[in-house]
Structure formats: structure tokens, C-alpha cells
Amino acid sequence: MKKFLASIVLFYSLFFILSSKVMAQYGQYGAPTPSQTIMVTKMVAMPNADLTDPTQGNYVNNLSPTDPRFIASEYIFFKVTIQNTSTVTLHNVVFTDFVPDFLTPVSGPGSFDTTNRIITFNIGDMVSGAQNIYYLQMQVANQATLPSEQGVFCKTNTAQASADNTAIDQSTSQFCIEIGAPAVTPTPTATPTPTIGVTTVPSTGPEFDFLVLGANIIALTTGIYLKKKS
């Protein structure tokens, strides 16, 4: 009986040890789980009216209302960095940019859906460790289409990266627009009506009255003299 019990204990001990070794070797799914992640970073360039090369911009993550602001019709540059931080190749990587109100895309990769205000760009496959950088140029709406109230308001631009074999990642970048005083519309000046064929009569004064009186006396004296002579 004792030998039988000892055999059972030995059997279960060996089974437990062998099972543990198998699980340690193959993991839950029979092999080590690969890392499949993607990361996107969105940045905005500081306002610079003279900036013509987007790669030379001073990029920051966000701009607050106390930072330099953009104005009507000014260009805004964004920098988007997409990284494959996984250990495998990511397939069918797609970059999406959600364009906020009061901005119009000017140049950059992909196509712009004006209805949904979305820029999409298919990058394709990205090998492990790959990093792609893209620049987007946009323009602030003109003064007439900005809110009529004076002041500063901020908007957020969101970038997104996805792939067939990984979860979606997003990054946002805030910028602010300063609304200047509304453009002053000059009041039309009435065009004076030309005066045609009107003679200006000088106003009478004391000097003019004496001249008239003298002329009358001369005329009266001349008349009396001519009458006596006849």
C-alpha cells in the first residue's frame, strides 16, 4: 500500500515539473508574443512670417494663448513624426490628419477630404524601428471668415497613425489665433454736384451803397442841366 501511494506521488510530481517546463518554453500562445506598436507625434511651428522652409521651423508640442499667436491669412506649419516602435513590420500604415475649422491645407502628403476635413496618406509597410517625418502647410482663414469678436481663440490639430496589425495612436497639437480689429469700411463720400451757369453776386456793404448814391446824384444833376439848356 505504501509503495502504491509513493508511486502516485512520484507520478504527479514528474507531471507537474514537465508541464511547467513546457509553459516556460512556449508561453501562452506557444511562442513569445511580439511587440506591435506605432507612435505618432504632432508638433506646430512657432509663428514666423518669413518661414519658407518648413524644416527650419521652431517646432513645439503646443502653443497656449500666452504664446505667440497666428493672425488671419497667416501660414501654419505642422511636423508629424511616425515611428514603428514594434519588433515586427507594420503593414498598411495610414496617416490621418483631422484639420480643424479656420484652417485650409496648402501643401503636404496625401489628399484632403473637404467634406470631412480629413487628410489621409497611405505610407505602406514600415519595418521595425522605421521613422517617417512629414510636414504640413496650412493657412488661417481670412479676416472676413473668422469670428467677429475680437480676442484670441485656440484650436487643436490631431494626427493619427494606424496599421493592419497594431492599435491606433494619436497626437494633438494646439495653436491659437488672434483676431484683430475688424477692417474699417470707409463711408462713401458724396460727390458734390457741379454748379453750372450760376453767377455769384457780391454782397452789398457800406462802400457799395456810397457808390450807388453818387451815381444817382450825377445822373440827376446831368438831367437838370440838359433840361435848362434846352
C-alpha atoms as a PDB file:
ATOM      1  CA  MET A   1       0.000   0.000   0.000  1.00  0.00           C
ATOM      2  CA  LYS A   2       2.823   2.360   0.931  1.00  0.00           C
ATOM      3  CA  LYS A   3       4.612   1.580  -2.343  1.00  0.00           C
ATOM      4  CA  PHE A   4       1.410   2.333  -4.278  1.00  0.00           C
ATOM      5  CA  LEU A   5       0.943   5.734  -2.640  1.00  0.00           C
ATOM      6  CA  ALA A   6       4.595   6.601  -3.184  1.00  0.00           C
ATOM      7  CA  SER A   7       4.228   5.795  -6.897  1.00  0.00           C
ATOM      8  CA  ILE A   8       1.222   8.075  -7.244  1.00  0.00           C
ATOM      9  CA  VAL A   9       3.034  10.997  -5.552  1.00  0.00           C
ATOM     10  CA  LEU A  10       6.099  10.481  -7.779  1.00  0.00           C
ATOM     11  CA  PHE A  11       3.916  10.393 -10.925  1.00  0.00           C
ATOM     12  CA  TYR A  12       2.129  13.682 -10.181  1.00  0.00           C
ATOM     13  CA  SER A  13       5.413  15.350  -9.205  1.00  0.00           C
ATOM     14  CA  LEU A  14       7.019  14.458 -12.542  1.00  0.00           C
ATOM     15  CA  PHE A  15       3.900  15.606 -14.433  1.00  0.00           C
ATOM     16  CA  PHE A  16       3.918  18.982 -12.705  1.00  0.00           C
ATOM     17  CA  ILE A  17       7.623  19.563 -13.403  1.00  0.00           C
ATOM     18  CA  LEU A  18       7.343  18.648 -17.096  1.00  0.00           C
ATOM     19  CA  SER A  19       4.245  20.834 -17.587  1.00  0.00           C
ATOM     20  CA  SER A  20       5.980  23.826 -16.024  1.00  0.00           C
ATOM     21  CA  LYS A  21       8.958  23.477 -18.386  1.00  0.00           C
ATOM     22  CA  VAL A  22       6.709  23.395 -21.439  1.00  0.00           C
ATOM     23  CA  MET A  23       4.803  26.509 -20.377  1.00  0.00           C
ATOM     24  CA  ALA A  24       8.042  28.362 -19.670  1.00  0.00           C
ATOM     25  CA  GLN A  25       9.438  27.469 -23.059  1.00  0.00           C
ATOM     26  CA  TYR A  26       6.479  28.284 -25.292  1.00  0.00           C
ATOM     27  CA  GLY A  27       4.477  30.882 -23.407  1.00  0.00           C
ATOM     28  CA  GLN A  28       0.702  31.269 -23.526  1.00  0.00           C
ATOM     29  CA  TYR A  29       0.453  31.081 -27.334  1.00  0.00           C
ATOM     30  CA  GLY A  30       3.281  28.644 -27.972  1.00  0.00           C
ATOM     31  CA  ALA A  31       5.843  31.424 -28.692  1.00  0.00           C
ATOM     32  CA  PRO A  32       6.950  34.790 -27.257  1.00  0.00           C
ATOM     33  CA  THR A  33       4.353  37.497 -28.032  1.00  0.00           C
ATOM     34  CA  PRO A  34       5.867  40.083 -30.440  1.00  0.00           C
ATOM     35  CA  SER A  35       5.578  43.806 -29.707  1.00  0.00           C
ATOM     36  CA  GLN A  36       3.319  45.557 -32.241  1.00  0.00           C
ATOM     37  CA  THR A  37       3.105  49.284 -31.558  1.00  0.00           C
ATOM     38  CA  ILE A  38       3.180  52.531 -33.549  1.00  0.00           C
ATOM     39  CA  MET A  39       3.721  56.070 -32.290  1.00  0.00           C
ATOM     40  CA  VAL A  40       2.782  59.405 -33.861  1.00  0.00           C
ATOM     41  CA  THR A  41       3.969  62.822 -32.653  1.00  0.00           C
ATOM     42  CA  LYS A  42       2.368  66.085 -33.807  1.00  0.00           C
ATOM     43  CA  MET A  43       4.123  69.471 -33.427  1.00  0.00           C
ATOM     44  CA  VAL A  44       3.430  73.034 -34.582  1.00  0.00           C
ATOM     45  CA  ALA A  45       5.959  75.661 -35.658  1.00  0.00           C
ATOM     46  CA  MET A  46       6.151  78.967 -33.851  1.00  0.00           C
ATOM     47  CA  PRO A  47       4.617  81.827 -35.882  1.00  0.00           C
ATOM     48  CA  ASN A  48       7.147  83.175 -38.371  1.00  0.00           C
ATOM     49  CA  ALA A  49       6.011  85.262 -41.328  1.00  0.00           C
ATOM     50  CA  ASP A  50       9.360  84.756 -43.077  1.00  0.00           C
ATOM     51  CA  LEU A  51       9.401  80.957 -42.799  1.00  0.00           C
ATOM     52  CA  THR A  52       9.599  79.409 -46.269  1.00  0.00           C
ATOM     53  CA  ASP A  53      11.345  76.113 -45.488  1.00  0.00           C
ATOM     54  CA  PRO A  54       9.211  74.042 -43.093  1.00  0.00           C
ATOM     55  CA  THR A  55      12.215  72.010 -41.966  1.00  0.00           C
ATOM     56  CA  GLN A  56      13.709  75.171 -40.447  1.00  0.00           C
ATOM     57  CA  GLY A  57      10.733  75.932 -38.209  1.00  0.00           C
ATOM     58  CA  ASN A  58      10.933  76.100 -34.421  1.00  0.00           C
ATOM     59  CA  TYR A  59       8.524  73.292 -33.510  1.00  0.00           C
ATOM     60  CA  VAL A  60       6.823  72.799 -30.152  1.00  0.00           C
ATOM     61  CA  ASN A  61       4.154  70.406 -28.914  1.00  0.00           C
ATOM     62  CA  ASN A  62       1.544  73.065 -28.140  1.00  0.00           C
ATOM     63  CA  LEU A  63       1.031  76.834 -28.179  1.00  0.00           C
ATOM     64  CA  SER A  64      -1.032  78.410 -25.408  1.00  0.00           C
ATOM     65  CA  PRO A  65      -2.924  81.737 -25.536  1.00  0.00           C
ATOM     66  CA  THR A  66       0.054  83.420 -23.853  1.00  0.00           C
ATOM     67  CA  ASP A  67       2.463  82.184 -26.547  1.00  0.00           C
ATOM     68  CA  PRO A  68       2.881  83.886 -29.941  1.00  0.00           C
ATOM     69  CA  ARG A  69      -0.382  83.690 -31.907  1.00  0.00           C
ATOM     70  CA  PHE A  70      -1.254  83.389 -35.563  1.00  0.00           C
ATOM     71  CA  ILE A  71      -3.305  86.010 -37.397  1.00  0.00           C
ATOM     72  CA  ALA A  72      -5.723  85.988 -40.319  1.00  0.00           C
ATOM     73  CA  SER A  73      -4.357  84.551 -43.602  1.00  0.00           C
ATOM     74  CA  GLU A  74      -1.048  83.526 -41.985  1.00  0.00           C
ATOM     75  CA  TYR A  75       0.589  80.175 -42.772  1.00  0.00           C
ATOM     76  CA  ILE A  76       0.943  77.448 -40.114  1.00  0.00           C
ATOM     77  CA  PHE A  77       3.447  74.592 -40.393  1.00  0.00           C
ATOM     78  CA  PHE A  78       2.996  71.233 -38.666  1.00  0.00           C
ATOM     79  CA  LYS A  79       5.525  68.435 -38.224  1.00  0.00           C
ATOM     80  CA  VAL A  80       4.337  64.829 -37.946  1.00  0.00           C
ATOM     81  CA  THR A  81       6.673  62.019 -36.882  1.00  0.00           C
ATOM     82  CA  ILE A  82       5.515  58.400 -37.249  1.00  0.00           C
ATOM     83  CA  GLN A  83       7.594  55.619 -35.683  1.00  0.00           C
ATOM     84  CA  ASN A  84       7.316  51.843 -35.783  1.00  0.00           C
ATOM     85  CA  THR A  85       8.280  51.102 -32.194  1.00  0.00           C
ATOM     86  CA  SER A  86       7.414  47.414 -32.510  1.00  0.00           C
ATOM     87  CA  THR A  87       9.595  44.371 -33.150  1.00  0.00           C
ATOM     88  CA  VAL A  88       7.827  43.440 -36.375  1.00  0.00           C
ATOM     89  CA  THR A  89       6.988  45.041 -39.713  1.00  0.00           C
ATOM     90  CA  LEU A  90       3.737  47.004 -39.646  1.00  0.00           C
ATOM     91  CA  HIS A  91       1.562  46.625 -42.724  1.00  0.00           C
ATOM     92  CA  ASN A  92      -0.630  49.190 -44.483  1.00  0.00           C
ATOM     93  CA  VAL A  93       0.315  52.105 -42.254  1.00  0.00           C
ATOM     94  CA  VAL A  94      -2.071  55.029 -42.753  1.00  0.00           C
ATOM     95  CA  PHE A  95      -1.515  58.592 -41.595  1.00  0.00           C
ATOM     96  CA  THR A  96      -4.654  60.664 -40.940  1.00  0.00           C
ATOM     97  CA  ASP A  97      -4.836  64.340 -40.030  1.00  0.00           C
ATOM     98  CA  PHE A  98      -8.029  65.922 -38.735  1.00  0.00           C
ATOM     99  CA  VAL A  99      -7.960  69.540 -39.935  1.00  0.00           C
ATOM    100  CA  PRO A 100      -9.736  71.954 -37.547  1.00  0.00           C
ATOM    101  CA  ASP A 101     -12.019  74.787 -38.591  1.00  0.00           C
ATOM    102  CA  PHE A 102     -10.495  78.029 -39.887  1.00  0.00           C
ATOM    103  CA  LEU A 103      -7.554  76.177 -41.474  1.00  0.00           C
ATOM    104  CA  THR A 104      -7.074  75.217 -45.124  1.00  0.00           C
ATOM    105  CA  PRO A 105      -4.355  72.740 -46.196  1.00  0.00           C
ATOM    106  CA  VAL A 106      -1.871  74.232 -48.673  1.00  0.00           C
ATOM    107  CA  SER A 107       0.826  71.584 -49.157  1.00  0.00           C
ATOM    108  CA  GLY A 108       1.894  68.223 -47.765  1.00  0.00           C
ATOM    109  CA  PRO A 109       1.403  64.489 -48.354  1.00  0.00           C
ATOM    110  CA  GLY A 110      -1.899  62.774 -49.009  1.00  0.00           C
ATOM    111  CA  SER A 111      -5.284  64.017 -50.155  1.00  0.00           C
ATOM    112  CA  PHE A 112      -7.738  66.352 -48.424  1.00  0.00           C
ATOM    113  CA  ASP A 113     -11.404  65.430 -47.991  1.00  0.00           C
ATOM    114  CA  THR A 114     -13.091  68.845 -47.857  1.00  0.00           C
ATOM    115  CA  THR A 115     -16.380  67.417 -46.592  1.00  0.00           C
ATOM    116  CA  ASN A 116     -14.962  65.598 -43.575  1.00  0.00           C
ATOM    117  CA  ARG A 117     -11.911  67.865 -43.305  1.00  0.00           C
ATOM    118  CA  ILE A 118      -9.517  64.922 -43.201  1.00  0.00           C
ATOM    119  CA  ILE A 119      -6.104  64.425 -44.802  1.00  0.00           C
ATOM    120  CA  THR A 120      -5.192  60.770 -45.457  1.00  0.00           C
ATOM    121  CA  PHE A 121      -1.924  59.299 -46.645  1.00  0.00           C
ATOM    122  CA  ASN A 122      -1.092  55.610 -47.101  1.00  0.00           C
ATOM    123  CA  ILE A 123       2.518  55.064 -46.070  1.00  0.00           C
ATOM    124  CA  GLY A 124       2.542  51.332 -46.809  1.00  0.00           C
ATOM    125  CA  ASP A 125       4.695  48.977 -44.747  1.00  0.00           C
ATOM    126  CA  MET A 126       7.113  50.161 -42.066  1.00  0.00           C
ATOM    127  CA  VAL A 127       9.864  47.867 -40.817  1.00  0.00           C
ATOM    128  CA  SER A 128      10.727  47.636 -37.155  1.00  0.00           C
ATOM    129  CA  GLY A 129      12.386  50.832 -35.936  1.00  0.00           C
ATOM    130  CA  ALA A 130      11.471  52.882 -39.029  1.00  0.00           C
ATOM    131  CA  GLN A 131      10.679  56.580 -38.588  1.00  0.00           C
ATOM    132  CA  ASN A 132       8.972  58.866 -41.117  1.00  0.00           C
ATOM    133  CA  ILE A 133       8.670  62.656 -40.838  1.00  0.00           C
ATOM    134  CA  TYR A 134       6.108  64.717 -42.743  1.00  0.00           C
ATOM    135  CA  TYR A 135       5.421  68.465 -42.933  1.00  0.00           C
ATOM    136  CA  LEU A 136       2.017  70.045 -43.487  1.00  0.00           C
ATOM    137  CA  GLN A 137       1.484  73.657 -44.508  1.00  0.00           C
ATOM    138  CA  MET A 138      -1.906  75.197 -43.748  1.00  0.00           C
ATOM    139  CA  GLN A 139      -3.346  78.698 -43.908  1.00  0.00           C
ATOM    140  CA  VAL A 140      -5.532  80.557 -41.432  1.00  0.00           C
ATOM    141  CA  ALA A 141      -8.851  81.803 -42.804  1.00  0.00           C
ATOM    142  CA  ASN A 142      -9.105  85.422 -43.878  1.00  0.00           C
ATOM    143  CA  GLN A 143     -10.398  88.097 -41.544  1.00  0.00           C
ATOM    144  CA  ALA A 144     -13.904  88.081 -43.022  1.00  0.00           C
ATOM    145  CA  THR A 145     -14.492  84.405 -42.137  1.00  0.00           C
ATOM    146  CA  LEU A 146     -13.016  84.447 -38.625  1.00  0.00           C
ATOM    147  CA  PRO A 147     -15.294  85.037 -35.613  1.00  0.00           C
ATOM    148  CA  SER A 148     -16.359  88.658 -35.404  1.00  0.00           C
ATOM    149  CA  GLU A 149     -15.476  89.030 -31.721  1.00  0.00           C
ATOM    150  CA  GLN A 150     -12.022  90.382 -31.015  1.00  0.00           C
ATOM    151  CA  GLY A 151      -9.642  88.325 -28.910  1.00  0.00           C
ATOM    152  CA  VAL A 152      -7.789  85.012 -29.001  1.00  0.00           C
ATOM    153  CA  PHE A 153      -9.171  81.514 -29.566  1.00  0.00           C
ATOM    154  CA  CYS A 154      -7.334  78.188 -29.759  1.00  0.00           C
ATOM    155  CA  LYS A 155      -7.828  75.104 -31.923  1.00  0.00           C
ATOM    156  CA  THR A 156      -6.384  71.586 -31.798  1.00  0.00           C
ATOM    157  CA  ASN A 157      -4.953  69.671 -34.744  1.00  0.00           C
ATOM    158  CA  THR A 158      -4.984  65.878 -34.350  1.00  0.00           C
ATOM    159  CA  ALA A 159      -2.772  63.394 -36.188  1.00  0.00           C
ATOM    160  CA  GLN A 160      -3.401  59.654 -36.219  1.00  0.00           C
ATOM    161  CA  ALA A 161      -1.411  56.615 -37.321  1.00  0.00           C
ATOM    162  CA  SER A 162      -2.784  53.115 -37.800  1.00  0.00           C
ATOM    163  CA  ALA A 163      -1.786  49.785 -39.330  1.00  0.00           C
ATOM    164  CA  ASP A 164      -3.398  46.431 -40.052  1.00  0.00           C
ATOM    165  CA  ASN A 165      -1.522  44.707 -37.240  1.00  0.00           C
ATOM    166  CA  THR A 166      -1.406  47.303 -34.473  1.00  0.00           C
ATOM    167  CA  ALA A 167      -3.598  49.634 -32.466  1.00  0.00           C
ATOM    168  CA  ILE A 168      -4.221  53.278 -33.452  1.00  0.00           C
ATOM    169  CA  ASP A 169      -2.106  56.040 -31.929  1.00  0.00           C
ATOM    170  CA  GLN A 170      -2.971  59.751 -31.847  1.00  0.00           C
ATOM    171  CA  SER A 171      -1.190  63.011 -31.062  1.00  0.00           C
ATOM    172  CA  THR A 172      -2.554  66.535 -30.782  1.00  0.00           C
ATOM    173  CA  SER A 173      -1.043  69.989 -31.150  1.00  0.00           C
ATOM    174  CA  GLN A 174      -2.718  73.212 -30.038  1.00  0.00           C
ATOM    175  CA  PHE A 175      -2.306  76.615 -31.670  1.00  0.00           C
ATOM    176  CA  CYS A 176      -4.041  79.949 -31.136  1.00  0.00           C
ATOM    177  CA  ILE A 177      -5.353  82.641 -33.477  1.00  0.00           C
ATOM    178  CA  GLU A 178      -5.605  86.304 -32.597  1.00  0.00           C
ATOM    179  CA  ILE A 179      -8.498  88.172 -34.146  1.00  0.00           C
ATOM    180  CA  GLY A 180      -7.553  91.738 -34.972  1.00  0.00           C
ATOM    181  CA  ALA A 181      -9.885  94.708 -35.037  1.00  0.00           C
ATOM    182  CA  PRO A 182     -12.411  94.376 -37.863  1.00  0.00           C
ATOM    183  CA  ALA A 183     -11.356  96.082 -41.040  1.00  0.00           C
ATOM    184  CA  VAL A 184     -12.854  99.574 -41.201  1.00  0.00           C
ATOM    185  CA  THR A 185     -15.095 100.072 -44.218  1.00  0.00           C
ATOM    186  CA  PRO A 186     -14.780 103.710 -45.344  1.00  0.00           C
ATOM    187  CA  THR A 187     -18.068 105.603 -45.524  1.00  0.00           C
ATOM    188  CA  PRO A 188     -18.629 106.656 -49.139  1.00  0.00           C
ATOM    189  CA  THR A 189     -18.132 110.405 -49.620  1.00  0.00           C
ATOM    190  CA  ALA A 190     -20.924 112.126 -51.528  1.00  0.00           C
ATOM    191  CA  THR A 191     -19.682 113.634 -54.788  1.00  0.00           C
ATOM    192  CA  PRO A 192     -20.518 117.390 -54.888  1.00  0.00           C
ATOM    193  CA  THR A 193     -22.971 118.378 -57.609  1.00  0.00           C
ATOM    194  CA  PRO A 194     -21.222 120.802 -60.032  1.00  0.00           C
ATOM    195  CA  THR A 195     -22.698 124.319 -60.137  1.00  0.00           C
ATOM    196  CA  ILE A 196     -23.205 125.249 -63.759  1.00  0.00           C
ATOM    197  CA  GLY A 197     -24.314 128.674 -65.119  1.00  0.00           C
ATOM    198  CA  VAL A 198     -24.660 130.355 -61.717  1.00  0.00           C
ATOM    199  CA  THR A 199     -23.177 133.854 -61.208  1.00  0.00           C
ATOM    200  CA  THR A 200     -22.138 134.777 -57.730  1.00  0.00           C
ATOM    201  CA  VAL A 201     -23.470 138.210 -56.718  1.00  0.00           C
ATOM    202  CA  PRO A 202     -21.250 140.029 -54.219  1.00  0.00           C
ATOM    203  CA  SER A 203     -22.917 141.003 -51.012  1.00  0.00           C
ATOM    204  CA  THR A 204     -23.529 144.769 -50.518  1.00  0.00           C
ATOM    205  CA  GLY A 205     -21.658 146.760 -47.947  1.00  0.00           C
ATOM    206  CA  PRO A 206     -21.249 150.459 -46.996  1.00  0.00           C
ATOM    207  CA  GLU A 207     -18.738 151.113 -49.757  1.00  0.00           C
ATOM    208  CA  PHE A 208     -21.097 149.777 -52.369  1.00  0.00           C
ATOM    209  CA  ASP A 209     -24.007 151.954 -51.037  1.00  0.00           C
ATOM    210  CA  PHE A 210     -21.974 155.189 -51.379  1.00  0.00           C
ATOM    211  CA  LEU A 211     -21.091 154.312 -54.968  1.00  0.00           C
ATOM    212  CA  VAL A 212     -24.739 153.828 -55.847  1.00  0.00           C
ATOM    213  CA  LEU A 213     -25.749 157.123 -54.176  1.00  0.00           C
ATOM    214  CA  GLY A 214     -23.019 159.053 -56.030  1.00  0.00           C
ATOM    215  CA  ALA A 215     -24.058 157.584 -59.349  1.00  0.00           C
ATOM    216  CA  ASN A 216     -27.656 158.638 -58.707  1.00  0.00           C
ATOM    217  CA  ILE A 217     -26.642 162.282 -57.847  1.00  0.00           C
ATOM    218  CA  ILE A 218     -24.541 162.568 -61.018  1.00  0.00           C
ATOM    219  CA  ALA A 219     -27.350 161.205 -63.121  1.00  0.00           C
ATOM    220  CA  LEU A 220     -29.864 163.664 -61.543  1.00  0.00           C
ATOM    221  CA  THR A 221     -27.567 166.720 -61.990  1.00  0.00           C
ATOM    222  CA  THR A 222     -26.907 165.807 -65.601  1.00  0.00           C
ATOM    223  CA  GLY A 223     -30.610 165.550 -66.266  1.00  0.00           C
ATOM    224  CA  ILE A 224     -31.401 169.026 -64.759  1.00  0.00           C
ATOM    225  CA  TYR A 225     -28.556 170.663 -66.734  1.00  0.00           C
ATOM    226  CA  LEU A 226     -29.737 169.196 -70.020  1.00  0.00           C
ATOM    227  CA  LYS A 227     -33.293 170.306 -69.319  1.00  0.00           C
ATOM    228  CA  LYS A 228     -32.339 174.003 -68.663  1.00  0.00           C
ATOM    229  CA  LYS A 229     -30.161 174.126 -71.774  1.00  0.00           C
ATOM    230  CA  SER A 230     -32.941 173.009 -73.967  1.00  0.00           C
END
